[in-house]
């Protein structure tokens, strides 16, 4: 395999990160999260020196979770953009006020994507806890704790962005 192409997640890969639909293994999921539209195969192998890393990358590529973009870096998607398959609301008429789905599921999906984007593989435990919430009150309490973690690891601005996105999707209790 070449080492100069940039690796990026496919739509299938982004959906897997957001929903865990195919329940890929922990090492596979971690490697999939590490693929960031800027990193080459050589750099990914250097970041994760585990003996199975090369095989995991090969499998993710063969299974369609990632792809190689040769040459210049691929255009990165918006930081917390929903995968097309998971987007439930069409673009609004007024781009200054984007419409979002307000539901427990929408808030949970957004929070998990944002946590993975901000914290990387270290977000797995938090996303698992968020996904277990079954009512708005529990989710709100859990997300407040997540906001504190984001602030501690990513800074105040990222915590504010995270909270603004979550509260826009969270139903009123």
C-alpha atoms as a PDB file:
ATOM      1  CA  UNK A   1       0.000   0.000   0.000  1.00  0.00           C
ATOM      2  CA  UNK A   2       1.153   3.547  -0.722  1.00  0.00           C
ATOM      3  CA  UNK A   3       2.138   5.869   2.075  1.00  0.00           C
ATOM      4  CA  UNK A   4       1.645   9.231   0.402  1.00  0.00           C
ATOM      5  CA  UNK A   5      -2.120   9.287  -0.119  1.00  0.00           C
ATOM      6  CA  UNK A   6      -4.294  10.999   2.457  1.00  0.00           C
ATOM      7  CA  UNK A   7      -6.736   8.709   4.251  1.00  0.00           C
ATOM      8  CA  UNK A   8     -10.289   9.875   4.848  1.00  0.00           C
ATOM      9  CA  UNK A   9     -13.501   8.344   6.140  1.00  0.00           C
ATOM     10  CA  UNK A  10     -16.130   7.372   3.616  1.00  0.00           C
ATOM     11  CA  UNK A  11     -19.819   7.956   4.237  1.00  0.00           C
ATOM     12  CA  UNK A  12     -19.968   4.395   5.600  1.00  0.00           C
ATOM     13  CA  UNK A  13     -17.132   5.224   7.999  1.00  0.00           C
ATOM     14  CA  UNK A  14     -18.774   8.429   9.238  1.00  0.00           C
ATOM     15  CA  UNK A  15     -22.071   6.617   9.791  1.00  0.00           C
ATOM     16  CA  UNK A  16     -20.261   3.870  11.722  1.00  0.00           C
ATOM     17  CA  UNK A  17     -18.635   6.423  14.025  1.00  0.00           C
ATOM     18  CA  UNK A  18     -21.954   8.179  14.622  1.00  0.00           C
ATOM     19  CA  UNK A  19     -24.187   5.132  15.048  1.00  0.00           C
ATOM     20  CA  UNK A  20     -21.998   2.046  15.647  1.00  0.00           C
ATOM     21  CA  UNK A  21     -24.320   0.295  13.197  1.00  0.00           C
ATOM     22  CA  UNK A  22     -21.841  -2.427  12.202  1.00  0.00           C
ATOM     23  CA  UNK A  23     -20.294  -2.812  15.658  1.00  0.00           C
ATOM     24  CA  UNK A  24     -16.708  -2.919  14.448  1.00  0.00           C
ATOM     25  CA  UNK A  25     -14.072  -3.862  17.029  1.00  0.00           C
ATOM     26  CA  UNK A  26     -12.489  -1.433  19.472  1.00  0.00           C
ATOM     27  CA  UNK A  27      -9.116  -1.274  17.673  1.00  0.00           C
ATOM     28  CA  UNK A  28     -10.870  -0.842  14.323  1.00  0.00           C
ATOM     29  CA  UNK A  29     -13.085   1.911  15.731  1.00  0.00           C
ATOM     30  CA  UNK A  30     -10.102   3.654  17.293  1.00  0.00           C
ATOM     31  CA  UNK A  31      -8.207   3.564  13.998  1.00  0.00           C
ATOM     32  CA  UNK A  32     -11.291   4.768  12.123  1.00  0.00           C
ATOM     33  CA  UNK A  33     -11.566   7.717  14.522  1.00  0.00           C
ATOM     34  CA  UNK A  34      -7.872   8.523  13.939  1.00  0.00           C
ATOM     35  CA  UNK A  35      -8.469   8.898  10.190  1.00  0.00           C
ATOM     36  CA  UNK A  36      -8.872  12.663   9.887  1.00  0.00           C
ATOM     37  CA  UNK A  37      -8.654  13.672   6.195  1.00  0.00           C
ATOM     38  CA  UNK A  38      -5.086  14.956   6.746  1.00  0.00           C
ATOM     39  CA  UNK A  39      -3.030  11.916   7.709  1.00  0.00           C
ATOM     40  CA  UNK A  40      -1.197   9.466   5.465  1.00  0.00           C
ATOM     41  CA  UNK A  41      -0.917   5.719   6.013  1.00  0.00           C
ATOM     42  CA  UNK A  42       2.669   6.115   7.223  1.00  0.00           C
ATOM     43  CA  UNK A  43       1.586   8.728   9.798  1.00  0.00           C
ATOM     44  CA  UNK A  44      -1.312   6.577  11.004  1.00  0.00           C
ATOM     45  CA  UNK A  45       1.011   3.588  11.423  1.00  0.00           C
ATOM     46  CA  UNK A  46       3.421   5.798  13.381  1.00  0.00           C
ATOM     47  CA  UNK A  47       0.619   7.001  15.685  1.00  0.00           C
ATOM     48  CA  UNK A  48      -0.424   3.433  16.492  1.00  0.00           C
ATOM     49  CA  UNK A  49       2.555   1.081  16.594  1.00  0.00           C
ATOM     50  CA  UNK A  50       0.438  -1.968  17.560  1.00  0.00           C
ATOM     51  CA  UNK A  51       1.350  -5.023  15.425  1.00  0.00           C
ATOM     52  CA  UNK A  52      -2.168  -5.312  14.000  1.00  0.00           C
ATOM     53  CA  UNK A  53      -2.476  -1.671  12.902  1.00  0.00           C
ATOM     54  CA  UNK A  54      -1.462  -2.289   9.293  1.00  0.00           C
ATOM     55  CA  UNK A  55      -3.982  -5.130   8.955  1.00  0.00           C
ATOM     56  CA  UNK A  56      -6.684  -2.988  10.533  1.00  0.00           C
ATOM     57  CA  UNK A  57      -6.047  -0.185   8.030  1.00  0.00           C
ATOM     58  CA  UNK A  58      -6.148  -2.703   5.179  1.00  0.00           C
ATOM     59  CA  UNK A  59      -9.465  -4.101   6.440  1.00  0.00           C
ATOM     60  CA  UNK A  60     -11.029  -0.656   6.931  1.00  0.00           C
ATOM     61  CA  UNK A  61      -9.999   0.206   3.378  1.00  0.00           C
ATOM     62  CA  UNK A  62     -11.243  -3.099   1.940  1.00  0.00           C
ATOM     63  CA  UNK A  63     -14.545  -2.871   3.836  1.00  0.00           C
ATOM     64  CA  UNK A  64     -15.207   0.657   2.569  1.00  0.00           C
ATOM     65  CA  UNK A  65     -14.911   2.579   5.863  1.00  0.00           C
ATOM     66  CA  UNK A  66     -11.983   4.666   4.595  1.00  0.00           C
ATOM     67  CA  UNK A  67     -10.537   5.662   1.236  1.00  0.00           C
ATOM     68  CA  UNK A  68      -7.279   7.064  -0.056  1.00  0.00           C
ATOM     69  CA  UNK A  69      -7.196  10.484  -1.668  1.00  0.00           C
ATOM     70  CA  UNK A  70      -3.945  10.819  -3.605  1.00  0.00           C
ATOM     71  CA  UNK A  71      -2.168  14.137  -3.873  1.00  0.00           C
ATOM     72  CA  UNK A  72      -3.357  17.154  -1.939  1.00  0.00           C
ATOM     73  CA  UNK A  73      -5.317  16.807   1.257  1.00  0.00           C
ATOM     74  CA  UNK A  74      -8.996  16.159   0.874  1.00  0.00           C
ATOM     75  CA  UNK A  75     -11.467  18.835   1.785  1.00  0.00           C
ATOM     76  CA  UNK A  76     -12.355  18.249   5.408  1.00  0.00           C
ATOM     77  CA  UNK A  77     -16.017  18.089   6.319  1.00  0.00           C
ATOM     78  CA  UNK A  78     -17.453  20.581   8.783  1.00  0.00           C
ATOM     79  CA  UNK A  79     -16.407  19.805  12.342  1.00  0.00           C
ATOM     80  CA  UNK A  80     -19.706  18.413  13.523  1.00  0.00           C
ATOM     81  CA  UNK A  81     -21.546  17.852  10.267  1.00  0.00           C
ATOM     82  CA  UNK A  82     -24.056  15.022  10.336  1.00  0.00           C
ATOM     83  CA  UNK A  83     -23.568  12.230   7.834  1.00  0.00           C
ATOM     84  CA  UNK A  84     -25.983  12.579   4.931  1.00  0.00           C
ATOM     85  CA  UNK A  85     -27.671   9.306   5.856  1.00  0.00           C
ATOM     86  CA  UNK A  86     -28.336  10.518   9.401  1.00  0.00           C
ATOM     87  CA  UNK A  87     -29.391  14.073   8.584  1.00  0.00           C
ATOM     88  CA  UNK A  88     -33.063  14.417   9.340  1.00  0.00           C
ATOM     89  CA  UNK A  89     -33.721  18.066   8.563  1.00  0.00           C
ATOM     90  CA  UNK A  90     -33.326  19.796   5.217  1.00  0.00           C
ATOM     91  CA  UNK A  91     -31.316  22.984   4.888  1.00  0.00           C
ATOM     92  CA  UNK A  92     -33.279  26.029   6.063  1.00  0.00           C
ATOM     93  CA  UNK A  93     -34.335  28.903   3.850  1.00  0.00           C
ATOM     94  CA  UNK A  94     -32.336  31.318   6.040  1.00  0.00           C
ATOM     95  CA  UNK A  95     -28.711  30.120   6.257  1.00  0.00           C
ATOM     96  CA  UNK A  96     -28.081  32.372   9.256  1.00  0.00           C
ATOM     97  CA  UNK A  97     -30.462  30.270  11.356  1.00  0.00           C
ATOM     98  CA  UNK A  98     -29.928  26.608  10.510  1.00  0.00           C
ATOM     99  CA  UNK A  99     -32.798  24.291  11.356  1.00  0.00           C
ATOM    100  CA  UNK A 100     -31.982  21.267  13.460  1.00  0.00           C
ATOM    101  CA  UNK A 101     -33.989  18.296  14.588  1.00  0.00           C
ATOM    102  CA  UNK A 102     -34.988  18.703  18.231  1.00  0.00           C
ATOM    103  CA  UNK A 103     -35.121  15.258  19.800  1.00  0.00           C
ATOM    104  CA  UNK A 104     -33.370  13.062  22.316  1.00  0.00           C
ATOM    105  CA  UNK A 105     -31.838  11.034  19.491  1.00  0.00           C
ATOM    106  CA  UNK A 106     -30.631  14.108  17.584  1.00  0.00           C
ATOM    107  CA  UNK A 107     -28.993  15.600  20.679  1.00  0.00           C
ATOM    108  CA  UNK A 108     -27.365  12.282  21.505  1.00  0.00           C
ATOM    109  CA  UNK A 109     -26.039  11.783  17.952  1.00  0.00           C
ATOM    110  CA  UNK A 110     -24.687  15.326  17.809  1.00  0.00           C
ATOM    111  CA  UNK A 111     -23.003  14.983  21.208  1.00  0.00           C
ATOM    112  CA  UNK A 112     -21.335  11.694  20.262  1.00  0.00           C
ATOM    113  CA  UNK A 113     -20.033  13.068  16.957  1.00  0.00           C
ATOM    114  CA  UNK A 114     -18.775  16.236  18.641  1.00  0.00           C
ATOM    115  CA  UNK A 115     -17.084  14.310  21.462  1.00  0.00           C
ATOM    116  CA  UNK A 116     -15.288  12.043  18.983  1.00  0.00           C
ATOM    117  CA  UNK A 117     -14.243  15.063  16.915  1.00  0.00           C
ATOM    118  CA  UNK A 118     -12.941  16.986  19.921  1.00  0.00           C
ATOM    119  CA  UNK A 119     -11.524  14.199  22.089  1.00  0.00           C
ATOM    120  CA  UNK A 120     -10.679  11.531  19.527  1.00  0.00           C
ATOM    121  CA  UNK A 121     -10.479   7.897  20.660  1.00  0.00           C
ATOM    122  CA  UNK A 122     -10.638   8.987  24.300  1.00  0.00           C
ATOM    123  CA  UNK A 123     -14.306   9.838  23.794  1.00  0.00           C
ATOM    124  CA  UNK A 124     -15.477   6.207  23.591  1.00  0.00           C
ATOM    125  CA  UNK A 125     -16.398   5.924  27.283  1.00  0.00           C
ATOM    126  CA  UNK A 126     -18.293   9.215  27.226  1.00  0.00           C
ATOM    127  CA  UNK A 127     -20.170   8.365  24.035  1.00  0.00           C
ATOM    128  CA  UNK A 128     -21.186   5.004  25.494  1.00  0.00           C
ATOM    129  CA  UNK A 129     -22.645   6.779  28.538  1.00  0.00           C
ATOM    130  CA  UNK A 130     -24.451   9.331  26.358  1.00  0.00           C
ATOM    131  CA  UNK A 131     -25.952   6.569  24.214  1.00  0.00           C
ATOM    132  CA  UNK A 132     -27.379   4.855  27.325  1.00  0.00           C
ATOM    133  CA  UNK A 133     -29.507   7.873  28.314  1.00  0.00           C
ATOM    134  CA  UNK A 134     -33.219   7.212  27.765  1.00  0.00           C
ATOM    135  CA  UNK A 135     -34.789  10.512  28.841  1.00  0.00           C
ATOM    136  CA  UNK A 136     -34.073  14.221  28.478  1.00  0.00           C
ATOM    137  CA  UNK A 137     -33.243  14.820  32.144  1.00  0.00           C
ATOM    138  CA  UNK A 138     -30.601  12.068  32.270  1.00  0.00           C
ATOM    139  CA  UNK A 139     -29.130  13.178  28.966  1.00  0.00           C
ATOM    140  CA  UNK A 140     -28.925  16.814  30.067  1.00  0.00           C
ATOM    141  CA  UNK A 141     -27.058  15.858  33.274  1.00  0.00           C
ATOM    142  CA  UNK A 142     -24.684  13.595  31.334  1.00  0.00           C
ATOM    143  CA  UNK A 143     -24.058  16.252  28.679  1.00  0.00           C
ATOM    144  CA  UNK A 144     -23.268  18.872  31.315  1.00  0.00           C
ATOM    145  CA  UNK A 145     -20.531  16.563  32.586  1.00  0.00           C
ATOM    146  CA  UNK A 146     -19.333  16.024  29.002  1.00  0.00           C
ATOM    147  CA  UNK A 147     -19.191  19.795  28.540  1.00  0.00           C
ATOM    148  CA  UNK A 148     -16.885  20.023  31.566  1.00  0.00           C
ATOM    149  CA  UNK A 149     -14.614  17.336  30.093  1.00  0.00           C
ATOM    150  CA  UNK A 150     -14.558  19.125  26.732  1.00  0.00           C
ATOM    151  CA  UNK A 151     -13.651  22.387  28.459  1.00  0.00           C
ATOM    152  CA  UNK A 152     -10.876  20.706  30.399  1.00  0.00           C
ATOM    153  CA  UNK A 153      -9.394  19.011  27.333  1.00  0.00           C
ATOM    154  CA  UNK A 154     -10.414  21.254  24.441  1.00  0.00           C
ATOM    155  CA  UNK A 155     -10.843  24.671  25.989  1.00  0.00           C
ATOM    156  CA  UNK A 156     -13.680  27.047  26.735  1.00  0.00           C
ATOM    157  CA  UNK A 157     -14.492  27.846  23.100  1.00  0.00           C
ATOM    158  CA  UNK A 158     -14.940  24.183  22.141  1.00  0.00           C
ATOM    159  CA  UNK A 159     -17.041  23.621  25.252  1.00  0.00           C
ATOM    160  CA  UNK A 160     -19.281  26.552  24.297  1.00  0.00           C
ATOM    161  CA  UNK A 161     -19.641  25.250  20.719  1.00  0.00           C
ATOM    162  CA  UNK A 162     -20.436  21.777  22.052  1.00  0.00           C
ATOM    163  CA  UNK A 163     -23.052  23.112  24.469  1.00  0.00           C
ATOM    164  CA  UNK A 164     -24.654  25.394  21.874  1.00  0.00           C
ATOM    165  CA  UNK A 165     -25.028  22.475  19.450  1.00  0.00           C
ATOM    166  CA  UNK A 166     -26.403  20.156  22.114  1.00  0.00           C
ATOM    167  CA  UNK A 167     -28.905  22.605  23.570  1.00  0.00           C
ATOM    168  CA  UNK A 168     -30.183  23.485  20.076  1.00  0.00           C
ATOM    169  CA  UNK A 169     -31.160  19.810  19.649  1.00  0.00           C
ATOM    170  CA  UNK A 170     -32.231  18.940  23.180  1.00  0.00           C
ATOM    171  CA  UNK A 171     -35.999  19.001  23.809  1.00  0.00           C
ATOM    172  CA  UNK A 172     -37.245  21.079  26.724  1.00  0.00           C
ATOM    173  CA  UNK A 173     -37.945  18.902  29.751  1.00  0.00           C
END
